[in-house]
Amino acid sequence: MFQLESKTPRSEDFQVLSVEDKRALKLRIRTFKNLGWVRLELADGFQPGASYQFRYLPAHDTWSYPDKADVKIDEVSIRTEGQYAIELAPRPAHRIITVPTTAGSCTEPTKALVQEFSYALPNALVKYRDALAYWVDPPSFTPRSSRKRKTVLYEWSDSPQVYNNDGRILGQPYLPEYSSSKNAVVTTCPARWSQISLRGSVAFPEVDERVYRTDVVKFDMNKNAAGQCSNLEALLQTMENQNPEKVLRQVCGHYLGGGFFFEGKSLASSTIEEWEFQLSFLYGIAPACNLAALGHLWGKGQLPANADVAARLGAALRTGMERTQPSVRDDAVHALFYLVRQIPKKIQPQTVPHLLAPIQPVLVDAMTETSPSGLDELARLIIWSTALPADLRQKLHAIVEGKSPAALHARTILAAFAVQTQ
């Protein structure tokens, strides 16, 4: 199979040679117009077990494809008839993907729901899986509601799409790397679609011209999805069973410092000054990226575990949380709670209290604004700090007296520090 886009090929453009096949080897060309491919065939057929070399002869400009191909013919001929089907992964998953932004050539990571799928093939074709051609129709879907998602940053529709590995639909990179035979339907989370329908086609153009259509499969992206629709959980789901540093570089690279992303340095080589800078400017999924990365380094013993380093990182994170909008700050609180739990117990005494002490004022202020779902984490983070200054005690007493949703948590914090001082 060859793909020639600029001209119509002739049999005279090619040469075929074989040590085993001593016949006069006459070529013919069959064109697959719907695919843009041509197939080179021997007029008298190939000999089983023989090897052939095909060469493209005309002069041409530089291109990325080879001018020759070596092919060995199997001993047994293959028939393509059989049962073909789309096979869905057991459950959809929340992941971080990169999508184009309104800037055009730029991409930005975002959380998404991903339903992976592959193809079931007739037994005789399984070993040829990578040589087959696969297509999938655009997914059809039923809206769960008529409300449309506001898209300010992304040039990515929230309609279900099939991953396109040439980067024209979804930005590069995307994890894991997909091909047409192992693919995925992606959409925003939470998904607005009650049911998605998918149908594919499979062909073996080196063998025959038949195209086999699969039956339609239907699924609900929101049903039994792995992980949660949050930046941190989607990132952790993406890192699962992957090389953590590779994932962080691909989907979080420009949030983690220029040296790590552009120069390919190891994450451990980032200086404390670089971490301070990154933590001081929180936007997008920066809290999840930075704090998951720090958790990875501390967990691996690749980050200094002393009070000075912890205090510097805490002070920088406080600056970032004070500067950013409330939704990003709440993401930072959630990711900070995750980070603390990743720090090994043996180094927690010299890291955790000093990391959290500078952030205490932001955490207390957040208790008056946050939804009840985040109050448990806020309260624990405050309690894990070294001490509770008088001004913060007064704010907590005011929360208790105000009978806000945080009143019970504020009372718990005051009680915990009262026990510590006794």
Protein backbone atom coordinates (compact mmCIF):
# COMPACT_ATOMS: atom_id res chain seq x y z
CA MET A 1 0.00 0.00 0.00
CA PHE A 2 1.26 3.47 -0.91
CA GLN A 3 -0.14 6.95 -0.52
CA LEU A 4 0.64 9.45 -3.27
CA GLU A 5 -1.18 12.76 -3.02
CA SER A 6 0.51 14.90 -5.66
CA LYS A 7 0.22 12.77 -8.82
CA THR A 8 -1.48 9.76 -10.33
CA PRO A 9 0.98 6.86 -10.17
CA ARG A 10 1.80 4.52 -13.06
CA SER A 11 3.14 1.00 -12.88
CA GLU A 12 6.31 2.26 -14.60
CA ASP A 13 6.99 4.44 -11.55
CA PHE A 14 7.78 1.34 -9.50
CA GLN A 15 10.24 -1.53 -9.57
CA VAL A 16 9.79 -4.86 -7.79
CA LEU A 17 12.59 -7.33 -7.09
CA SER A 18 12.65 -10.79 -5.50
CA VAL A 19 15.40 -13.32 -4.92
CA GLU A 20 12.94 -16.22 -4.45
CA ASP A 21 10.45 -15.38 -7.22
CA LYS A 22 12.25 -15.93 -10.53
CA ARG A 23 9.31 -15.03 -12.77
CA ALA A 24 9.08 -11.87 -14.84
CA LEU A 25 7.48 -9.62 -12.24
CA LYS A 26 4.90 -7.42 -13.87
CA LEU A 27 3.22 -4.80 -11.70
CA ARG A 28 -0.27 -3.41 -11.78
CA ILE A 29 -1.81 -0.64 -9.67
CA ARG A 30 -5.20 -0.63 -8.00
CA THR A 31 -6.50 2.72 -6.74
CA PHE A 32 -8.58 3.22 -3.59
CA LYS A 33 -9.99 6.67 -4.37
CA ASN A 34 -11.98 6.96 -1.14
CA LEU A 35 -8.80 6.45 0.91
CA GLY A 36 -6.24 8.23 -1.25
CA TRP A 37 -4.21 5.00 -1.40
CA VAL A 38 -2.88 2.79 -4.18
CA ARG A 39 -2.03 -0.88 -3.95
CA LEU A 40 0.86 -2.44 -5.86
CA GLU A 41 0.09 -5.95 -7.05
CA LEU A 42 1.87 -8.57 -9.10
CA ALA A 43 -0.16 -9.30 -12.21
CA ASP A 44 0.42 -13.04 -11.70
CA GLY A 45 0.08 -12.98 -7.90
CA PHE A 46 2.64 -13.33 -5.12
CA GLN A 47 4.39 -16.58 -4.26
CA PRO A 48 3.80 -17.84 -0.71
CA GLY A 49 6.88 -17.39 1.49
CA ALA A 50 8.70 -15.15 -0.98
CA SER A 51 10.20 -11.74 -0.12
CA TYR A 52 9.89 -8.70 -2.38
CA GLN A 53 11.32 -5.21 -2.48
CA PHE A 54 9.30 -2.38 -3.99
CA ARG A 55 10.99 0.84 -5.11
CA TYR A 56 9.51 4.19 -6.16
CA LEU A 57 11.66 5.45 -9.06
CA PRO A 58 10.77 9.06 -10.06
CA ALA A 59 12.76 11.98 -8.66
CA HIS A 60 10.81 14.04 -6.12
CA ASP A 61 11.11 16.65 -3.42
CA THR A 62 12.00 15.62 0.13
CA TRP A 63 9.20 13.77 1.90
CA SER A 64 8.82 11.87 5.13
CA TYR A 65 7.96 8.47 3.65
CA PRO A 66 10.45 5.85 2.42
CA ASP A 67 11.06 5.25 -1.29
CA LYS A 68 11.22 1.50 -0.81
CA ALA A 69 9.50 -1.22 1.18
CA ASP A 70 10.46 -4.84 1.90
CA VAL A 71 7.57 -7.28 2.08
CA LYS A 72 7.48 -10.97 2.99
CA ILE A 73 4.44 -12.95 1.86
CA ASP A 74 2.84 -15.37 4.33
CA GLU A 75 2.67 -19.06 3.55
CA VAL A 76 -1.10 -19.15 4.05
CA SER A 77 -3.57 -16.79 2.40
CA ILE A 78 -6.02 -14.89 4.60
CA ARG A 79 -9.76 -14.41 4.26
CA THR A 80 -11.29 -11.32 5.84
CA GLU A 81 -14.82 -12.62 6.47
CA GLY A 82 -15.91 -12.80 10.09
CA GLN A 83 -17.30 -10.89 13.02
CA TYR A 84 -16.07 -7.33 13.64
CA ALA A 85 -17.18 -5.24 16.60
CA ILE A 86 -16.33 -2.18 18.67
CA GLU A 87 -15.18 -3.19 22.17
CA LEU A 88 -15.61 -0.59 24.88
CA ALA A 89 -13.26 -0.34 27.85
CA PRO A 90 -15.07 -1.51 31.02
CA ARG A 91 -15.80 2.06 32.14
CA PRO A 92 -15.16 5.67 31.10
CA ALA A 93 -12.55 7.59 33.06
CA HIS A 94 -11.83 11.18 34.00
CA ARG A 95 -8.57 12.32 32.45
CA ILE A 96 -6.60 15.46 31.70
CA ILE A 97 -6.32 16.11 27.97
CA THR A 98 -4.94 19.06 26.02
CA VAL A 99 -7.20 21.01 23.70
CA PRO A 100 -6.66 23.97 21.33
CA THR A 101 -7.19 27.42 22.79
CA THR A 102 -8.60 30.50 21.13
CA ALA A 103 -5.00 31.46 20.35
CA GLY A 104 -5.05 28.82 17.61
CA SER A 105 -1.69 27.09 17.83
CA CYS A 106 -1.62 26.95 21.64
CA THR A 107 -3.08 24.18 23.75
CA GLU A 108 -4.28 24.05 27.31
CA PRO A 109 -4.91 21.04 29.57
CA THR A 110 -8.45 20.47 30.75
CA LYS A 111 -10.40 17.74 32.53
CA ALA A 112 -12.51 15.45 30.36
CA LEU A 113 -14.44 12.20 30.31
CA VAL A 114 -12.79 9.53 28.17
CA GLN A 115 -14.33 6.29 26.94
CA GLU A 116 -11.69 4.10 25.34
CA PHE A 117 -12.56 1.53 22.71
CA SER A 118 -10.86 -0.94 20.38
CA TYR A 119 -11.98 -3.52 17.83
CA ALA A 120 -12.77 -7.21 18.09
CA LEU A 121 -11.55 -9.04 14.97
CA PRO A 122 -11.94 -12.51 13.45
CA ASN A 123 -9.37 -14.87 15.00
CA ALA A 124 -7.42 -15.22 11.74
CA LEU A 125 -6.78 -11.45 11.61
CA VAL A 126 -5.74 -10.80 15.22
CA LYS A 127 -2.01 -11.04 14.45
CA TYR A 128 -2.48 -8.52 11.62
CA ARG A 129 -4.23 -6.01 13.89
CA ASP A 130 -1.75 -3.19 13.21
CA ALA A 131 -2.00 -3.66 9.42
CA LEU A 132 -5.77 -3.20 9.22
CA ALA A 133 -7.48 0.11 8.51
CA TYR A 134 -10.08 1.42 10.96
CA TRP A 135 -12.64 4.22 10.77
CA VAL A 136 -15.30 5.36 13.16
CA ASP A 137 -18.36 7.45 12.37
CA PRO A 138 -18.82 10.72 14.28
CA PRO A 139 -20.59 9.79 17.51
CA SER A 140 -24.32 10.42 17.69
CA PHE A 141 -25.73 11.50 21.01
CA THR A 142 -28.78 12.65 22.92
CA PRO A 143 -28.46 15.86 24.98
CA ARG A 144 -29.23 15.43 28.67
CA SER A 145 -30.35 19.08 28.80
CA SER A 146 -30.62 22.04 26.45
CA ARG A 147 -28.12 24.12 28.40
CA LYS A 148 -24.86 24.74 26.57
CA ARG A 149 -21.46 24.91 28.23
CA LYS A 150 -19.76 28.29 28.08
CA THR A 151 -16.44 28.02 26.29
CA VAL A 152 -14.25 31.06 26.83
CA LEU A 153 -10.76 29.59 26.66
CA TYR A 154 -11.12 26.49 24.52
CA GLU A 155 -11.84 25.96 20.84
CA TRP A 156 -13.13 22.55 21.83
CA SER A 157 -16.78 21.70 21.49
CA ASP A 158 -18.32 19.97 24.47
CA SER A 159 -19.99 17.54 22.06
CA PRO A 160 -18.57 14.00 22.15
CA GLN A 161 -15.65 13.60 19.76
CA VAL A 162 -13.40 10.75 18.71
CA TYR A 163 -9.76 11.40 19.46
CA ASN A 164 -7.88 12.43 16.33
CA ASN A 165 -4.18 11.68 16.66
CA ASP A 166 -3.09 14.21 14.04
CA GLY A 167 -3.89 17.01 16.49
CA ARG A 168 -6.50 18.80 14.38
CA ILE A 169 -9.36 18.11 16.78
CA LEU A 170 -7.63 17.68 20.11
CA GLY A 171 -4.22 19.07 20.94
CA GLN A 172 -1.07 17.07 21.39
CA PRO A 173 -0.11 15.29 23.50
CA TYR A 174 -2.85 13.04 24.78
CA LEU A 175 -2.40 10.11 27.12
CA PRO A 176 -2.13 7.31 26.48
CA GLU A 177 -1.13 7.60 22.83
CA TYR A 178 -3.97 6.34 20.67
CA SER A 179 -4.15 4.98 17.15
CA SER A 180 -7.13 4.30 14.92
CA SER A 181 -7.29 0.71 16.28
CA LYS A 182 -7.25 1.82 19.94
CA ASN A 183 -9.18 5.02 20.26
CA ALA A 184 -11.42 7.01 22.59
CA VAL A 185 -14.52 9.15 22.70
CA VAL A 186 -13.92 12.31 24.72
CA THR A 187 -16.24 14.96 26.08
CA THR A 188 -16.32 17.55 28.83
CA CYS A 189 -17.16 16.50 32.36
CA PRO A 190 -19.74 16.24 33.62
CA ALA A 191 -21.10 14.99 30.29
CA ARG A 192 -24.35 16.49 29.04
CA TRP A 193 -25.21 13.40 27.01
CA SER A 194 -27.60 10.72 28.20
CA GLN A 195 -26.56 8.22 25.54
CA ILE A 196 -23.84 8.06 22.88
CA SER A 197 -23.92 5.75 19.86
CA LEU A 198 -20.80 4.62 18.03
CA ARG A 199 -20.23 2.60 14.87
CA GLY A 200 -16.99 1.73 13.09
CA SER A 201 -15.58 0.17 9.92
CA VAL A 202 -12.63 -2.16 9.39
CA ALA A 203 -10.80 -3.14 6.21
CA PHE A 204 -7.67 -5.02 5.19
CA PRO A 205 -6.77 -3.19 1.97
CA GLU A 206 -3.60 -5.22 1.39
CA VAL A 207 -5.81 -8.31 1.01
CA ASP A 208 -9.11 -7.21 -0.53
CA GLU A 209 -11.44 -4.25 -1.11
CA ARG A 210 -14.10 -5.21 1.42
CA VAL A 211 -15.10 -2.85 4.24
CA TYR A 212 -16.81 -4.41 7.26
CA ARG A 213 -19.24 -2.33 9.34
CA THR A 214 -19.60 -3.00 13.05
CA ASP A 215 -22.87 -3.00 14.94
CA VAL A 216 -23.75 0.18 16.81
CA VAL A 217 -22.70 0.28 20.46
CA LYS A 218 -24.42 2.57 22.96
CA PHE A 219 -23.11 3.83 26.28
CA ASP A 220 -23.54 6.55 28.90
CA MET A 221 -20.38 8.56 29.62
CA ASN A 222 -21.60 9.51 33.11
CA LYS A 223 -22.38 5.97 34.20
CA ASN A 224 -19.80 4.28 36.46
CA ALA A 225 -17.03 6.65 35.40
CA ALA A 226 -13.67 6.12 37.12
CA GLY A 227 -12.44 9.00 39.24
CA GLN A 228 -14.10 12.37 39.78
CA CYS A 229 -14.71 15.42 37.65
CA SER A 230 -12.05 17.59 39.28
CA ASN A 231 -8.65 18.72 38.06
CA LEU A 232 -6.73 16.78 40.69
CA GLU A 233 -8.63 13.49 40.38
CA ALA A 234 -8.55 13.68 36.56
CA LEU A 235 -4.78 14.24 36.69
CA LEU A 236 -4.23 11.36 39.11
CA GLN A 237 -6.39 9.11 36.91
CA THR A 238 -4.24 10.09 33.93
CA MET A 239 -1.07 9.27 35.88
CA GLU A 240 -2.38 5.88 36.98
CA ASN A 241 -0.34 3.02 35.47
CA GLN A 242 1.77 5.58 33.59
CA ASN A 243 5.20 7.09 34.15
CA PRO A 244 4.27 10.00 36.50
CA GLU A 245 7.01 12.31 35.27
CA LYS A 246 6.09 11.66 31.63
CA VAL A 247 2.45 12.51 32.31
CA LEU A 248 3.36 15.65 34.26
CA ARG A 249 5.63 16.81 31.44
CA GLN A 250 3.01 16.22 28.77
CA VAL A 251 -0.10 17.65 30.37
CA CYS A 252 1.35 20.00 33.02
CA GLY A 253 4.66 21.01 31.46
CA HIS A 254 4.34 24.79 31.24
CA TYR A 255 2.88 24.93 34.77
CA LEU A 256 6.02 23.28 36.19
CA GLY A 257 8.84 25.48 34.96
CA GLY A 258 10.63 26.09 31.68
CA GLY A 259 13.58 23.82 32.38
CA PHE A 260 11.38 20.81 33.02
CA PHE A 261 9.15 21.41 30.01
CA PHE A 262 11.34 22.98 27.33
CA GLU A 263 14.76 21.59 28.21
CA GLY A 264 13.68 18.11 29.25
CA LYS A 265 15.31 18.27 32.68
CA SER A 266 14.15 15.94 35.43
CA LEU A 267 11.47 17.21 37.78
CA ALA A 268 13.89 16.80 40.70
CA SER A 269 16.31 19.25 39.09
CA SER A 270 13.88 22.16 39.51
CA THR A 271 15.20 24.60 42.10
CA ILE A 272 13.28 25.81 45.14
CA GLU A 273 13.26 29.26 43.53
CA GLU A 274 11.51 27.81 40.48
CA TRP A 275 8.92 26.13 42.68
CA GLU A 276 8.35 29.39 44.56
CA PHE A 277 7.70 31.18 41.29
CA GLN A 278 5.26 28.56 40.02
CA LEU A 279 3.33 28.41 43.29
CA SER A 280 3.02 32.20 43.39
CA PHE A 281 0.93 32.33 40.19
CA LEU A 282 -1.99 29.90 40.25
CA TYR A 283 -4.35 29.67 37.29
CA GLY A 284 -6.11 26.93 35.36
CA ILE A 285 -5.06 23.52 36.61
CA ALA A 286 -1.81 24.85 38.12
CA PRO A 287 -2.73 23.84 41.72
CA ALA A 288 -3.32 20.22 40.73
CA CYS A 289 -0.18 20.08 38.59
CA ASN A 290 2.19 21.72 41.05
CA LEU A 291 1.00 20.03 44.22
CA ALA A 292 0.72 16.60 42.61
CA ALA A 293 4.28 17.06 41.34
CA LEU A 294 5.55 18.10 44.79
CA GLY A 295 3.77 15.10 46.30
CA HIS A 296 5.55 12.85 43.81
CA LEU A 297 8.95 14.34 44.66
CA TRP A 298 8.50 14.23 48.43
CA GLY A 299 7.11 10.72 48.19
CA LYS A 300 10.21 9.61 46.26
CA GLY A 301 12.60 11.43 48.58
CA GLN A 302 13.66 13.77 45.74
CA LEU A 303 12.80 17.05 47.50
CA PRO A 304 14.55 18.43 50.62
CA ALA A 305 12.50 17.62 53.71
CA ASN A 306 13.53 20.44 56.01
CA ALA A 307 11.57 23.21 57.71
CA ASP A 308 13.11 26.02 55.65
CA VAL A 309 12.13 24.49 52.28
CA ALA A 310 8.63 23.69 53.54
CA ALA A 311 8.13 27.21 54.89
CA ARG A 312 9.31 28.81 51.63
CA LEU A 313 6.95 26.68 49.57
CA GLY A 314 4.10 27.45 51.98
CA ALA A 315 4.72 31.20 51.74
CA ALA A 316 4.75 31.06 47.95
CA LEU A 317 1.55 29.02 47.89
CA ARG A 318 -0.12 31.55 50.18
CA THR A 319 0.77 34.31 47.71
CA GLY A 320 -0.68 32.30 44.84
CA MET A 321 -3.88 31.51 46.74
CA GLU A 322 -4.38 35.16 47.74
CA ARG A 323 -3.93 36.35 44.15
CA THR A 324 -6.19 33.90 42.39
CA GLN A 325 -9.94 33.56 42.01
CA PRO A 326 -11.93 31.55 44.58
CA SER A 327 -12.50 28.51 42.35
CA VAL A 328 -8.75 28.10 41.75
CA ARG A 329 -8.06 28.68 45.44
CA ASP A 330 -10.53 25.92 46.32
CA ASP A 331 -8.70 23.63 43.87
CA ALA A 332 -5.47 24.54 45.67
CA VAL A 333 -6.96 23.60 49.05
CA HIS A 334 -8.06 20.23 47.70
CA ALA A 335 -4.66 19.58 46.08
CA LEU A 336 -2.84 20.74 49.22
CA PHE A 337 -4.79 18.20 51.27
CA TYR A 338 -3.66 15.54 48.79
CA LEU A 339 -0.03 16.74 48.99
CA VAL A 340 0.09 16.49 52.78
CA ARG A 341 -1.12 12.89 52.62
CA GLN A 342 1.63 12.02 50.12
CA ILE A 343 4.44 13.19 52.38
CA PRO A 344 6.01 10.13 54.09
CA LYS A 345 5.24 9.94 57.81
CA LYS A 346 8.89 9.95 58.79
CA ILE A 347 9.41 13.46 57.37
CA GLN A 348 6.01 14.94 58.21
CA PRO A 349 7.14 16.58 61.50
CA GLN A 350 9.75 18.74 59.74
CA THR A 351 7.61 19.53 56.69
CA VAL A 352 3.85 19.57 57.21
CA PRO A 353 3.52 22.15 60.07
CA HIS A 354 6.00 24.53 58.41
CA LEU A 355 4.36 24.12 55.00
CA LEU A 356 0.90 24.92 56.37
CA ALA A 357 1.68 27.66 58.88
CA PRO A 358 2.03 30.48 56.29
CA ILE A 359 -1.22 29.39 54.60
CA GLN A 360 -3.35 29.41 57.77
CA PRO A 361 -4.82 32.92 57.21
CA VAL A 362 -6.02 32.02 53.71
CA LEU A 363 -7.53 28.77 54.96
CA VAL A 364 -9.42 30.50 57.78
CA ASP A 365 -10.73 33.18 55.41
CA ALA A 366 -11.85 30.46 52.98
CA MET A 367 -14.01 28.89 55.70
CA THR A 368 -16.37 31.84 55.48
CA GLU A 369 -16.81 31.44 51.71
CA THR A 370 -16.40 27.79 50.81
CA SER A 371 -19.18 25.29 50.23
CA PRO A 372 -19.72 22.69 52.98
CA SER A 373 -18.13 19.99 50.81
CA GLY A 374 -14.67 21.53 51.30
CA LEU A 375 -14.88 22.31 54.99
CA ASP A 376 -13.48 19.00 56.26
CA GLU A 377 -10.24 19.48 54.32
CA LEU A 378 -9.92 23.12 55.38
CA ALA A 379 -10.38 22.21 59.04
CA ARG A 380 -7.82 19.40 58.94
CA LEU A 381 -5.24 21.56 57.18
CA ILE A 382 -5.61 24.30 59.79
CA ILE A 383 -5.29 21.79 62.64
CA TRP A 384 -2.16 20.26 61.09
CA SER A 385 -0.40 23.65 61.36
CA THR A 386 2.01 24.45 64.18
CA ALA A 387 -0.03 26.98 66.15
CA LEU A 388 -3.08 29.25 65.92
CA PRO A 389 -2.35 33.01 66.27
CA ALA A 390 -4.73 35.17 68.28
CA ASP A 391 -6.17 37.02 65.28
CA LEU A 392 -7.13 33.74 63.61
CA ARG A 393 -8.71 32.53 66.86
CA GLN A 394 -10.90 35.62 66.83
CA LYS A 395 -12.00 34.94 63.23
CA LEU A 396 -12.88 31.37 64.12
CA HIS A 397 -14.89 32.50 67.16
CA ALA A 398 -16.79 34.89 64.87
CA ILE A 399 -17.57 31.98 62.53
CA VAL A 400 -18.91 29.95 65.46
CA GLU A 401 -21.08 32.81 66.68
CA GLY A 402 -22.34 33.53 63.16
CA LYS A 403 -23.79 30.01 62.88
CA SER A 404 -22.58 29.63 59.30
CA PRO A 405 -22.15 26.19 57.64
CA ALA A 406 -18.55 26.32 58.90
CA ALA A 407 -19.51 26.88 62.56
CA LEU A 408 -19.11 23.24 63.60
CA HIS A 409 -15.73 22.97 61.87
CA ALA A 410 -14.53 26.22 63.44
CA ARG A 411 -15.52 24.89 66.87
CA THR A 412 -13.60 21.66 66.17
CA ILE A 413 -10.47 23.62 65.22
CA LEU A 414 -10.62 25.77 68.37
CA ALA A 415 -11.09 22.66 70.50
CA ALA A 416 -8.11 20.93 68.88
CA PHE A 417 -5.78 23.85 69.57
CA ALA A 418 -7.12 24.19 73.09
CA VAL A 419 -6.07 20.59 73.74
CA GLN A 420 -2.61 21.28 72.22
CA THR A 421 -1.99 24.27 74.50
CA GLN A 422 -3.00 22.25 77.58
